[in-house]
Amino acid sequence: MRRLAAGAAAGFVWPAANAAHPVYARSLRDASPVPSGLPMEAPVSGPPQWLFLNVAQAAAFVPLAEAILPGSTAAQVGPFVDLLLSVESKEHQRAFLASLKAMDAEASREFGAGFARLGDAQRTALLARVSESAPAAAGAQPGLREHFQNLKEWVVGAYYSSEIGMRELGWTGNRVFDKFPECEHSSQDRAGF
């Protein structure tokens, strides 16, 4: 994931328009979201070790991410978003959890079960309705549409910074420079450091 994030910082253009969203802002300002003390390489096998989300929250988010963007589970969107949230500000953590809770509550209200327990058709119907709902009034608390948009930004940003997502956008992983670009500073400018 570090290698992909570094590739993103080196010139990958994010597909979403909301560069202020924390999933994009962190990736653009810090190519290594792994807090110190954590291994650089996550284990490939076995269940993910959640750092921020509890098991119930993760159980709701993973199928939600998959419903928003099919392939998210294979791209490890859930664990990657969890990793980003583990080093994110309290404000962004609260906003994410509020959005996840709002979507899960709406699933329970409409279908009598949390999002994780819905069938594919119910998930699709819920997300279609919420995505087309009216936005909240200016200055009002976020509504379902804003909560959905927040979660969608996390999912899309994480998916398209994964190897699967980057390959979908045309990245091949085999780009090399035939020569390194020359530094534009004179040797005098470099002597002072």
N, C-alpha and C. Protein backbone atom coordinates (compact mmCIF):
# COMPACT_ATOMS: atom_id res chain seq x y z
N MET A 1 0.82 -1.19 0.00
CA MET A 1 0.00 0.00 0.00
C MET A 1 0.87 1.25 0.00
N ARG A 2 2.01 1.17 0.71
CA ARG A 2 2.92 2.31 0.70
C ARG A 2 3.40 2.62 -0.71
N ARG A 3 3.76 1.56 -1.47
CA ARG A 3 4.25 1.76 -2.82
C ARG A 3 3.18 2.43 -3.68
N LEU A 4 1.93 2.02 -3.52
CA LEU A 4 0.86 2.63 -4.29
C LEU A 4 0.62 4.08 -3.88
N ALA A 5 0.67 4.33 -2.58
CA ALA A 5 0.49 5.70 -2.10
C ALA A 5 1.62 6.59 -2.59
N ALA A 6 2.83 6.06 -2.61
CA ALA A 6 3.96 6.83 -3.11
C ALA A 6 3.78 7.12 -4.59
N GLY A 7 3.27 6.13 -5.33
CA GLY A 7 2.99 6.36 -6.75
C GLY A 7 1.94 7.43 -6.94
N ALA A 8 0.97 7.44 -6.05
CA ALA A 8 -0.07 8.46 -6.13
C ALA A 8 0.52 9.84 -5.88
N ALA A 9 1.38 9.93 -4.89
CA ALA A 9 1.99 11.22 -4.57
C ALA A 9 2.93 11.68 -5.67
N ALA A 10 3.45 10.74 -6.44
CA ALA A 10 4.41 11.10 -7.49
C ALA A 10 3.73 11.58 -8.76
N GLY A 11 2.42 11.61 -8.82
CA GLY A 11 1.82 12.18 -10.00
C GLY A 11 0.50 11.58 -10.42
N PHE A 12 -0.04 10.68 -9.66
CA PHE A 12 -1.33 10.12 -9.99
C PHE A 12 -2.40 11.18 -9.81
N VAL A 13 -3.31 11.29 -10.75
CA VAL A 13 -4.39 12.27 -10.66
C VAL A 13 -5.60 11.60 -10.06
N TRP A 14 -6.07 12.11 -8.93
CA TRP A 14 -7.22 11.52 -8.25
C TRP A 14 -8.46 11.68 -9.09
N PRO A 15 -9.30 10.64 -9.19
CA PRO A 15 -10.47 10.70 -10.04
C PRO A 15 -11.61 11.53 -9.49
N ALA A 16 -11.63 11.81 -8.23
CA ALA A 16 -12.75 12.54 -7.65
C ALA A 16 -12.46 14.03 -7.59
N ALA A 17 -13.52 14.80 -7.59
CA ALA A 17 -13.37 16.25 -7.61
C ALA A 17 -13.11 16.85 -6.24
N ASN A 18 -13.44 16.14 -5.17
CA ASN A 18 -13.35 16.69 -3.83
C ASN A 18 -11.98 16.42 -3.22
N ALA A 19 -10.96 17.18 -3.63
CA ALA A 19 -9.60 16.98 -3.12
C ALA A 19 -9.48 17.37 -1.65
N ALA A 20 -10.46 18.05 -1.09
CA ALA A 20 -10.42 18.45 0.31
C ALA A 20 -10.83 17.29 1.23
N HIS A 21 -11.45 16.26 0.68
CA HIS A 21 -11.87 15.12 1.49
C HIS A 21 -10.62 14.47 2.10
N PRO A 22 -10.69 14.01 3.35
CA PRO A 22 -9.50 13.50 4.03
C PRO A 22 -8.80 12.35 3.32
N VAL A 23 -9.53 11.51 2.61
CA VAL A 23 -8.86 10.39 1.94
C VAL A 23 -7.91 10.89 0.86
N TYR A 24 -8.25 11.99 0.21
CA TYR A 24 -7.37 12.55 -0.83
C TYR A 24 -6.31 13.44 -0.20
N ALA A 25 -6.71 14.25 0.75
CA ALA A 25 -5.77 15.19 1.37
C ALA A 25 -4.61 14.45 2.02
N ARG A 26 -4.87 13.39 2.75
CA ARG A 26 -3.80 12.63 3.40
C ARG A 26 -2.89 12.01 2.36
N SER A 27 -3.46 11.44 1.32
CA SER A 27 -2.63 10.80 0.30
C SER A 27 -1.77 11.81 -0.44
N LEU A 28 -2.26 13.01 -0.62
CA LEU A 28 -1.50 14.01 -1.34
C LEU A 28 -0.41 14.65 -0.49
N ARG A 29 -0.64 14.74 0.83
CA ARG A 29 0.37 15.40 1.68
C ARG A 29 1.34 14.41 2.32
N ASP A 30 0.95 13.13 2.38
CA ASP A 30 1.79 12.15 3.06
C ASP A 30 1.67 10.82 2.34
N ALA A 31 2.71 10.44 1.67
CA ALA A 31 2.68 9.20 0.90
C ALA A 31 2.78 7.96 1.77
N SER A 32 2.94 8.13 3.08
CA SER A 32 3.04 6.97 3.96
C SER A 32 2.10 7.11 5.14
N PRO A 33 0.83 6.65 4.98
CA PRO A 33 -0.14 6.82 6.06
C PRO A 33 0.05 5.86 7.22
N VAL A 34 1.04 5.00 7.17
CA VAL A 34 1.23 4.02 8.24
C VAL A 34 1.86 4.70 9.44
N PRO A 35 1.21 4.70 10.61
CA PRO A 35 1.81 5.30 11.78
C PRO A 35 3.06 4.52 12.19
N SER A 36 4.00 5.20 12.83
CA SER A 36 5.23 4.53 13.23
C SER A 36 4.91 3.38 14.16
N GLY A 37 5.70 2.33 14.05
CA GLY A 37 5.48 1.16 14.89
C GLY A 37 4.63 0.09 14.23
N LEU A 38 3.95 0.43 13.11
CA LEU A 38 3.15 -0.55 12.41
C LEU A 38 3.98 -1.14 11.27
N PRO A 39 3.76 -2.39 10.92
CA PRO A 39 4.54 -2.99 9.84
C PRO A 39 4.22 -2.32 8.52
N MET A 40 5.23 -2.22 7.66
CA MET A 40 5.02 -1.62 6.34
C MET A 40 4.17 -2.53 5.47
N GLU A 41 4.34 -3.82 5.57
CA GLU A 41 3.60 -4.77 4.76
C GLU A 41 2.54 -5.44 5.62
N ALA A 42 1.29 -5.35 5.21
CA ALA A 42 0.21 -6.03 5.93
C ALA A 42 0.22 -7.50 5.55
N PRO A 43 -0.15 -8.38 6.45
CA PRO A 43 -0.20 -9.79 6.09
C PRO A 43 -1.21 -10.00 4.97
N VAL A 44 -0.87 -10.84 4.02
CA VAL A 44 -1.73 -11.08 2.88
C VAL A 44 -2.87 -12.03 3.24
N SER A 45 -2.62 -13.00 4.10
CA SER A 45 -3.65 -13.96 4.44
C SER A 45 -4.24 -13.66 5.81
N GLY A 46 -5.40 -14.23 6.04
CA GLY A 46 -6.06 -14.06 7.33
C GLY A 46 -6.94 -12.83 7.35
N PRO A 47 -7.78 -12.73 8.36
CA PRO A 47 -8.69 -11.58 8.45
C PRO A 47 -7.91 -10.31 8.79
N PRO A 48 -8.43 -9.16 8.35
CA PRO A 48 -7.73 -7.91 8.66
C PRO A 48 -7.77 -7.62 10.16
N GLN A 49 -6.74 -6.96 10.63
CA GLN A 49 -6.68 -6.49 12.01
C GLN A 49 -7.12 -5.04 12.01
N TRP A 50 -8.30 -4.77 12.51
CA TRP A 50 -8.86 -3.43 12.46
C TRP A 50 -8.16 -2.55 13.48
N LEU A 51 -7.74 -1.39 13.05
CA LEU A 51 -7.02 -0.45 13.91
C LEU A 51 -7.95 0.62 14.48
N PHE A 52 -8.94 1.03 13.72
CA PHE A 52 -9.85 2.09 14.17
C PHE A 52 -11.28 1.56 14.30
N LEU A 53 -11.78 0.92 13.27
CA LEU A 53 -13.16 0.43 13.30
C LEU A 53 -13.27 -0.77 14.22
N ASN A 54 -14.40 -0.86 14.91
CA ASN A 54 -14.64 -2.09 15.67
C ASN A 54 -15.21 -3.13 14.71
N VAL A 55 -15.39 -4.34 15.16
CA VAL A 55 -15.81 -5.43 14.29
C VAL A 55 -17.18 -5.16 13.66
N ALA A 56 -18.11 -4.62 14.43
CA ALA A 56 -19.46 -4.33 13.91
C ALA A 56 -19.40 -3.22 12.85
N GLN A 57 -18.60 -2.19 13.11
CA GLN A 57 -18.47 -1.10 12.13
C GLN A 57 -17.82 -1.62 10.84
N ALA A 58 -16.80 -2.44 10.98
CA ALA A 58 -16.13 -3.02 9.80
C ALA A 58 -17.11 -3.92 9.04
N ALA A 59 -17.92 -4.68 9.77
CA ALA A 59 -18.89 -5.58 9.14
C ALA A 59 -19.94 -4.79 8.35
N ALA A 60 -20.23 -3.57 8.76
CA ALA A 60 -21.16 -2.72 8.02
C ALA A 60 -20.46 -2.02 6.86
N PHE A 61 -19.22 -1.57 7.08
CA PHE A 61 -18.53 -0.79 6.05
C PHE A 61 -18.10 -1.62 4.84
N VAL A 62 -17.58 -2.81 5.05
CA VAL A 62 -17.06 -3.61 3.93
C VAL A 62 -18.14 -3.89 2.88
N PRO A 63 -19.34 -4.37 3.25
CA PRO A 63 -20.36 -4.57 2.21
C PRO A 63 -20.89 -3.25 1.64
N LEU A 64 -20.88 -2.20 2.44
CA LEU A 64 -21.29 -0.89 1.94
C LEU A 64 -20.31 -0.43 0.87
N ALA A 65 -19.02 -0.59 1.12
CA ALA A 65 -18.01 -0.21 0.14
C ALA A 65 -18.16 -1.03 -1.14
N GLU A 66 -18.41 -2.32 -0.98
CA GLU A 66 -18.59 -3.20 -2.14
C GLU A 66 -19.82 -2.81 -2.95
N ALA A 67 -20.89 -2.38 -2.27
CA ALA A 67 -22.10 -1.95 -2.97
C ALA A 67 -21.88 -0.62 -3.68
N ILE A 68 -21.09 0.25 -3.09
CA ILE A 68 -20.80 1.54 -3.72
C ILE A 68 -19.90 1.35 -4.94
N LEU A 69 -18.87 0.53 -4.79
CA LEU A 69 -17.91 0.31 -5.87
C LEU A 69 -17.52 -1.16 -5.90
N PRO A 70 -18.17 -1.94 -6.77
CA PRO A 70 -17.86 -3.37 -6.84
C PRO A 70 -16.36 -3.60 -7.08
N GLY A 71 -15.81 -4.55 -6.35
CA GLY A 71 -14.38 -4.83 -6.41
C GLY A 71 -13.65 -4.27 -5.21
N SER A 72 -14.35 -3.51 -4.38
CA SER A 72 -13.73 -2.88 -3.21
C SER A 72 -13.19 -3.89 -2.21
N THR A 73 -13.88 -5.01 -2.08
CA THR A 73 -13.41 -6.02 -1.14
C THR A 73 -12.09 -6.61 -1.61
N ALA A 74 -12.00 -6.94 -2.89
CA ALA A 74 -10.76 -7.49 -3.44
C ALA A 74 -9.62 -6.47 -3.36
N ALA A 75 -9.96 -5.18 -3.47
CA ALA A 75 -8.95 -4.12 -3.41
C ALA A 75 -8.58 -3.76 -1.97
N GLN A 76 -9.17 -4.43 -1.00
CA GLN A 76 -8.88 -4.19 0.43
C GLN A 76 -9.23 -2.76 0.86
N VAL A 77 -10.32 -2.23 0.33
CA VAL A 77 -10.75 -0.87 0.67
C VAL A 77 -11.04 -0.75 2.17
N GLY A 78 -11.73 -1.72 2.75
CA GLY A 78 -12.06 -1.64 4.17
C GLY A 78 -10.84 -1.49 5.05
N PRO A 79 -9.86 -2.41 4.95
CA PRO A 79 -8.67 -2.27 5.78
C PRO A 79 -7.86 -1.00 5.49
N PHE A 80 -7.84 -0.57 4.23
CA PHE A 80 -7.08 0.63 3.89
C PHE A 80 -7.73 1.87 4.49
N VAL A 81 -9.05 1.98 4.38
CA VAL A 81 -9.76 3.11 4.99
C VAL A 81 -9.58 3.06 6.51
N ASP A 82 -9.64 1.88 7.09
CA ASP A 82 -9.42 1.72 8.52
C ASP A 82 -8.03 2.24 8.90
N LEU A 83 -7.04 1.90 8.12
CA LEU A 83 -5.67 2.37 8.36
C LEU A 83 -5.60 3.89 8.29
N LEU A 84 -6.21 4.47 7.27
CA LEU A 84 -6.21 5.93 7.14
C LEU A 84 -6.94 6.58 8.32
N LEU A 85 -8.07 6.01 8.70
CA LEU A 85 -8.82 6.57 9.83
C LEU A 85 -8.04 6.49 11.13
N SER A 86 -7.18 5.49 11.27
CA SER A 86 -6.42 5.34 12.50
C SER A 86 -5.44 6.48 12.74
N VAL A 87 -5.10 7.21 11.70
CA VAL A 87 -4.18 8.34 11.84
C VAL A 87 -4.84 9.67 11.47
N GLU A 88 -6.13 9.63 11.25
CA GLU A 88 -6.87 10.83 10.85
C GLU A 88 -7.29 11.63 12.08
N SER A 89 -7.71 12.86 11.84
CA SER A 89 -8.12 13.74 12.94
C SER A 89 -9.41 13.21 13.58
N LYS A 90 -9.63 13.59 14.83
CA LYS A 90 -10.86 13.19 15.54
C LYS A 90 -12.09 13.67 14.79
N GLU A 91 -12.01 14.85 14.21
CA GLU A 91 -13.14 15.41 13.45
C GLU A 91 -13.52 14.51 12.28
N HIS A 92 -12.53 14.08 11.51
CA HIS A 92 -12.81 13.22 10.36
C HIS A 92 -13.23 11.82 10.80
N GLN A 93 -12.67 11.34 11.90
CA GLN A 93 -13.10 10.05 12.43
C GLN A 93 -14.57 10.10 12.83
N ARG A 94 -14.95 11.17 13.55
CA ARG A 94 -16.36 11.32 13.98
C ARG A 94 -17.29 11.42 12.78
N ALA A 95 -16.87 12.18 11.76
CA ALA A 95 -17.70 12.34 10.56
C ALA A 95 -17.89 11.01 9.85
N PHE A 96 -16.83 10.23 9.74
CA PHE A 96 -16.93 8.92 9.09
C PHE A 96 -17.89 8.02 9.87
N LEU A 97 -17.70 7.94 11.18
CA LEU A 97 -18.56 7.08 12.00
C LEU A 97 -20.01 7.54 11.96
N ALA A 98 -20.24 8.86 11.95
CA ALA A 98 -21.61 9.38 11.86
C ALA A 98 -22.23 8.97 10.53
N SER A 99 -21.46 9.04 9.46
CA SER A 99 -21.97 8.65 8.15
C SER A 99 -22.29 7.16 8.10
N LEU A 100 -21.40 6.35 8.63
CA LEU A 100 -21.61 4.91 8.65
C LEU A 100 -22.85 4.56 9.49
N LYS A 101 -22.97 5.22 10.63
CA LYS A 101 -24.12 4.98 11.51
C LYS A 101 -25.42 5.41 10.83
N ALA A 102 -25.40 6.54 10.14
CA ALA A 102 -26.60 7.03 9.46
C ALA A 102 -27.05 6.07 8.36
N MET A 103 -26.09 5.54 7.60
CA MET A 103 -26.45 4.61 6.53
C MET A 103 -26.97 3.29 7.11
N ASP A 104 -26.36 2.82 8.17
CA ASP A 104 -26.80 1.58 8.81
C ASP A 104 -28.19 1.76 9.42
N ALA A 105 -28.42 2.92 10.03
CA ALA A 105 -29.73 3.21 10.63
C ALA A 105 -30.81 3.31 9.56
N GLU A 106 -30.46 3.89 8.40
CA GLU A 106 -31.42 4.00 7.31
C GLU A 106 -31.77 2.61 6.76
N ALA A 107 -30.79 1.74 6.68
CA ALA A 107 -31.05 0.36 6.25
C ALA A 107 -32.00 -0.32 7.23
N SER A 108 -31.76 -0.13 8.52
CA SER A 108 -32.63 -0.73 9.54
C SER A 108 -34.03 -0.14 9.48
N ARG A 109 -34.12 1.16 9.26
CA ARG A 109 -35.42 1.81 9.18
C ARG A 109 -36.22 1.30 7.98
N GLU A 110 -35.56 1.19 6.84
CA GLU A 110 -36.25 0.82 5.62
C GLU A 110 -36.48 -0.69 5.48
N PHE A 111 -35.51 -1.49 5.90
CA PHE A 111 -35.60 -2.93 5.66
C PHE A 111 -35.62 -3.78 6.94
N GLY A 112 -35.49 -3.14 8.10
CA GLY A 112 -35.54 -3.88 9.35
C GLY A 112 -34.26 -4.63 9.69
N ALA A 113 -33.16 -4.30 9.00
CA ALA A 113 -31.87 -4.95 9.28
C ALA A 113 -30.75 -3.99 8.90
N GLY A 114 -29.62 -4.11 9.59
CA GLY A 114 -28.47 -3.28 9.26
C GLY A 114 -27.96 -3.57 7.86
N PHE A 115 -27.11 -2.70 7.33
CA PHE A 115 -26.65 -2.79 5.96
C PHE A 115 -25.99 -4.14 5.66
N ALA A 116 -25.23 -4.66 6.60
CA ALA A 116 -24.50 -5.91 6.39
C ALA A 116 -25.45 -7.09 6.16
N ARG A 117 -26.66 -7.01 6.66
CA ARG A 117 -27.61 -8.13 6.56
C ARG A 117 -28.56 -7.99 5.38
N LEU A 118 -28.43 -6.92 4.59
CA LEU A 118 -29.30 -6.73 3.43
C LEU A 118 -28.83 -7.57 2.25
N GLY A 119 -29.78 -7.91 1.38
CA GLY A 119 -29.43 -8.58 0.13
C GLY A 119 -28.92 -7.55 -0.88
N ASP A 120 -28.37 -8.02 -1.97
CA ASP A 120 -27.81 -7.13 -2.98
C ASP A 120 -28.86 -6.15 -3.54
N ALA A 121 -30.05 -6.65 -3.82
CA ALA A 121 -31.10 -5.79 -4.38
C ALA A 121 -31.50 -4.69 -3.38
N GLN A 122 -31.58 -5.05 -2.09
CA GLN A 122 -31.92 -4.06 -1.07
C GLN A 122 -30.81 -3.02 -0.94
N ARG A 123 -29.56 -3.45 -0.96
CA ARG A 123 -28.44 -2.52 -0.87
C ARG A 123 -28.46 -1.54 -2.03
N THR A 124 -28.67 -2.07 -3.22
CA THR A 124 -28.69 -1.22 -4.41
C THR A 124 -29.85 -0.23 -4.34
N ALA A 125 -31.02 -0.69 -3.94
CA ALA A 125 -32.19 0.20 -3.84
C ALA A 125 -31.94 1.30 -2.81
N LEU A 126 -31.38 0.94 -1.67
CA LEU A 126 -31.10 1.92 -0.63
C LEU A 126 -30.10 2.97 -1.11
N LEU A 127 -29.00 2.52 -1.70
CA LEU A 127 -27.99 3.47 -2.16
C LEU A 127 -28.50 4.36 -3.29
N ALA A 128 -29.32 3.80 -4.17
CA ALA A 128 -29.90 4.61 -5.26
C ALA A 128 -30.80 5.69 -4.68
N ARG A 129 -31.63 5.32 -3.73
CA ARG A 129 -32.55 6.30 -3.14
C ARG A 129 -31.79 7.39 -2.38
N VAL A 130 -30.82 6.98 -1.59
CA VAL A 130 -30.06 7.94 -0.79
C VAL A 130 -29.24 8.88 -1.68
N SER A 131 -28.64 8.33 -2.74
CA SER A 131 -27.81 9.16 -3.61
C SER A 131 -28.62 10.19 -4.38
N GLU A 132 -29.92 9.92 -4.54
CA GLU A 132 -30.79 10.84 -5.26
C GLU A 132 -31.62 11.72 -4.33
N SER A 133 -31.44 11.57 -3.04
CA SER A 133 -32.21 12.36 -2.09
C SER A 133 -31.75 13.82 -2.13
N ALA A 134 -32.60 14.69 -1.63
CA ALA A 134 -32.30 16.12 -1.64
C ALA A 134 -31.15 16.42 -0.68
N PRO A 135 -30.28 17.34 -1.05
CA PRO A 135 -29.20 17.72 -0.13
C PRO A 135 -29.75 18.45 1.09
N ALA A 136 -29.00 18.41 2.15
CA ALA A 136 -29.39 19.15 3.36
C ALA A 136 -29.30 20.64 3.09
N ALA A 137 -30.12 21.39 3.78
CA ALA A 137 -30.10 22.85 3.64
C ALA A 137 -28.75 23.40 4.09
N ALA A 138 -28.35 24.50 3.52
CA ALA A 138 -27.08 25.13 3.90
C ALA A 138 -27.06 25.42 5.40
N GLY A 139 -25.99 25.04 6.06
CA GLY A 139 -25.84 25.27 7.49
C GLY A 139 -26.51 24.23 8.37
N ALA A 140 -27.29 23.34 7.77
CA ALA A 140 -27.97 22.29 8.54
C ALA A 140 -27.04 21.11 8.75
N GLN A 141 -27.42 20.22 9.66
CA GLN A 141 -26.67 19.00 9.88
C GLN A 141 -26.68 18.17 8.60
N PRO A 142 -25.64 17.40 8.35
CA PRO A 142 -25.62 16.56 7.14
C PRO A 142 -26.80 15.61 7.10
N GLY A 143 -27.37 15.47 5.92
CA GLY A 143 -28.45 14.52 5.71
C GLY A 143 -27.91 13.22 5.14
N LEU A 144 -28.81 12.34 4.77
CA LEU A 144 -28.40 11.04 4.24
C LEU A 144 -27.54 11.18 2.99
N ARG A 145 -27.89 12.12 2.13
CA ARG A 145 -27.11 12.31 0.91
C ARG A 145 -25.66 12.69 1.24
N GLU A 146 -25.47 13.58 2.18
CA GLU A 146 -24.11 14.00 2.56
C GLU A 146 -23.35 12.85 3.23
N HIS A 147 -24.04 12.07 4.04
CA HIS A 147 -23.40 10.92 4.66
C HIS A 147 -22.97 9.91 3.59
N PHE A 148 -23.86 9.67 2.63
CA PHE A 148 -23.51 8.77 1.53
C PHE A 148 -22.32 9.31 0.75
N GLN A 149 -22.34 10.60 0.45
CA GLN A 149 -21.25 11.22 -0.32
C GLN A 149 -19.92 11.09 0.44
N ASN A 150 -19.94 11.30 1.74
CA ASN A 150 -18.73 11.17 2.55
C ASN A 150 -18.16 9.76 2.45
N LEU A 151 -19.01 8.76 2.65
CA LEU A 151 -18.55 7.37 2.57
C LEU A 151 -18.08 7.03 1.16
N LYS A 152 -18.79 7.53 0.17
CA LYS A 152 -18.41 7.26 -1.22
C LYS A 152 -17.01 7.81 -1.51
N GLU A 153 -16.72 9.00 -1.01
CA GLU A 153 -15.39 9.60 -1.21
C GLU A 153 -14.30 8.72 -0.59
N TRP A 154 -14.54 8.20 0.61
CA TRP A 154 -13.57 7.31 1.25
C TRP A 154 -13.36 6.06 0.39
N VAL A 155 -14.45 5.48 -0.08
CA VAL A 155 -14.38 4.25 -0.86
C VAL A 155 -13.66 4.48 -2.19
N VAL A 156 -14.06 5.50 -2.92
CA VAL A 156 -13.47 5.78 -4.23
C VAL A 156 -11.98 6.12 -4.09
N GLY A 157 -11.65 6.95 -3.12
CA GLY A 157 -10.24 7.32 -2.92
C GLY A 157 -9.38 6.12 -2.58
N ALA A 158 -9.88 5.25 -1.71
CA ALA A 158 -9.12 4.06 -1.33
C ALA A 158 -9.03 3.08 -2.48
N TYR A 159 -10.12 2.89 -3.20
CA TYR A 159 -10.14 1.93 -4.31
C TYR A 159 -9.15 2.34 -5.40
N TYR A 160 -9.19 3.60 -5.78
CA TYR A 160 -8.34 4.03 -6.88
C TYR A 160 -6.90 4.32 -6.46
N SER A 161 -6.58 4.14 -5.20
CA SER A 161 -5.18 4.17 -4.78
C SER A 161 -4.66 2.76 -4.54
N SER A 162 -5.52 1.76 -4.76
CA SER A 162 -5.09 0.36 -4.67
C SER A 162 -4.53 -0.06 -6.03
N GLU A 163 -3.80 -1.15 -6.02
CA GLU A 163 -3.25 -1.65 -7.29
C GLU A 163 -4.37 -1.98 -8.27
N ILE A 164 -5.44 -2.60 -7.80
CA ILE A 164 -6.56 -2.94 -8.67
C ILE A 164 -7.15 -1.69 -9.30
N GLY A 165 -7.41 -0.68 -8.49
CA GLY A 165 -7.99 0.56 -9.01
C GLY A 165 -7.06 1.31 -9.94
N MET A 166 -5.77 1.35 -9.59
CA MET A 166 -4.82 2.04 -10.46
C MET A 166 -4.67 1.32 -11.80
N ARG A 167 -4.70 0.00 -11.78
CA ARG A 167 -4.64 -0.75 -13.05
C ARG A 167 -5.89 -0.48 -13.88
N GLU A 168 -7.02 -0.35 -13.21
CA GLU A 168 -8.27 -0.03 -13.91
C GLU A 168 -8.16 1.32 -14.63
N LEU A 169 -7.39 2.22 -14.05
CA LEU A 169 -7.19 3.54 -14.66
C LEU A 169 -6.06 3.56 -15.69
N GLY A 170 -5.39 2.43 -15.89
CA GLY A 170 -4.36 2.35 -16.91
C GLY A 170 -2.94 2.24 -16.41
N TRP A 171 -2.72 2.23 -15.11
CA TRP A 171 -1.37 2.09 -14.57
C TRP A 171 -0.89 0.67 -14.84
N THR A 172 0.35 0.53 -15.31
CA THR A 172 0.88 -0.79 -15.61
C THR A 172 1.97 -1.21 -14.65
N GLY A 173 2.51 -0.30 -13.88
CA GLY A 173 3.53 -0.65 -12.91
C GLY A 173 4.92 -0.81 -13.50
N ASN A 174 5.06 -0.60 -14.79
CA ASN A 174 6.35 -0.82 -15.41
C ASN A 174 6.94 0.45 -16.02
N ARG A 175 6.56 1.59 -15.51
CA ARG A 175 7.09 2.85 -16.02
C ARG A 175 8.49 3.07 -15.46
N VAL A 176 9.42 3.33 -16.36
CA VAL A 176 10.78 3.64 -15.96
C VAL A 176 11.26 4.84 -16.76
N PHE A 177 12.21 5.58 -16.20
CA PHE A 177 12.83 6.68 -16.91
C PHE A 177 14.06 6.17 -17.64
N ASP A 178 14.22 6.56 -18.91
CA ASP A 178 15.44 6.17 -19.61
C ASP A 178 16.64 6.93 -19.06
N LYS A 179 16.40 8.10 -18.50
CA LYS A 179 17.42 8.85 -17.77
C LYS A 179 16.69 9.70 -16.74
N PHE A 180 17.39 10.04 -15.67
CA PHE A 180 16.77 10.86 -14.64
C PHE A 180 16.73 12.31 -15.11
N PRO A 181 15.65 13.02 -14.78
CA PRO A 181 15.60 14.44 -15.14
C PRO A 181 16.71 15.20 -14.43
N GLU A 182 17.25 16.17 -15.13
CA GLU A 182 18.34 16.96 -14.54
C GLU A 182 17.78 17.98 -13.57
N CYS A 183 18.56 18.26 -12.55
CA CYS A 183 18.19 19.26 -11.55
C CYS A 183 18.35 20.64 -12.19
N GLU A 184 17.40 21.53 -11.96
CA GLU A 184 17.46 22.86 -12.55
C GLU A 184 18.28 23.83 -11.71
N HIS A 185 18.72 23.45 -10.51
CA HIS A 185 19.50 24.32 -9.65
C HIS A 185 20.97 24.19 -10.00
N SER A 186 21.69 25.28 -9.89
CA SER A 186 23.12 25.23 -10.14
C SER A 186 23.82 24.56 -8.96
N SER A 187 25.05 24.14 -9.15
CA SER A 187 25.81 23.48 -8.07
C SER A 187 26.04 24.44 -6.90
N GLN A 188 26.07 25.75 -7.16
CA GLN A 188 26.22 26.72 -6.07
C GLN A 188 25.00 26.70 -5.16
N ASP A 189 23.84 26.58 -5.75
CA ASP A 189 22.61 26.55 -4.97
C ASP A 189 22.54 25.31 -4.06
N ARG A 190 23.12 24.21 -4.51
CA ARG A 190 23.07 22.95 -3.76
C ARG A 190 24.15 22.87 -2.68
N ALA A 191 25.15 23.72 -2.74
CA ALA A 191 26.30 23.61 -1.84
C ALA A 191 25.95 23.94 -0.39
N GLY A 192 24.91 24.72 -0.13
CA GLY A 192 24.62 25.21 1.21
C GLY A 192 23.89 24.28 2.12
N PHE A 193 23.50 23.12 1.69
CA PHE A 193 22.73 22.25 2.58
C PHE A 193 23.63 21.29 3.21
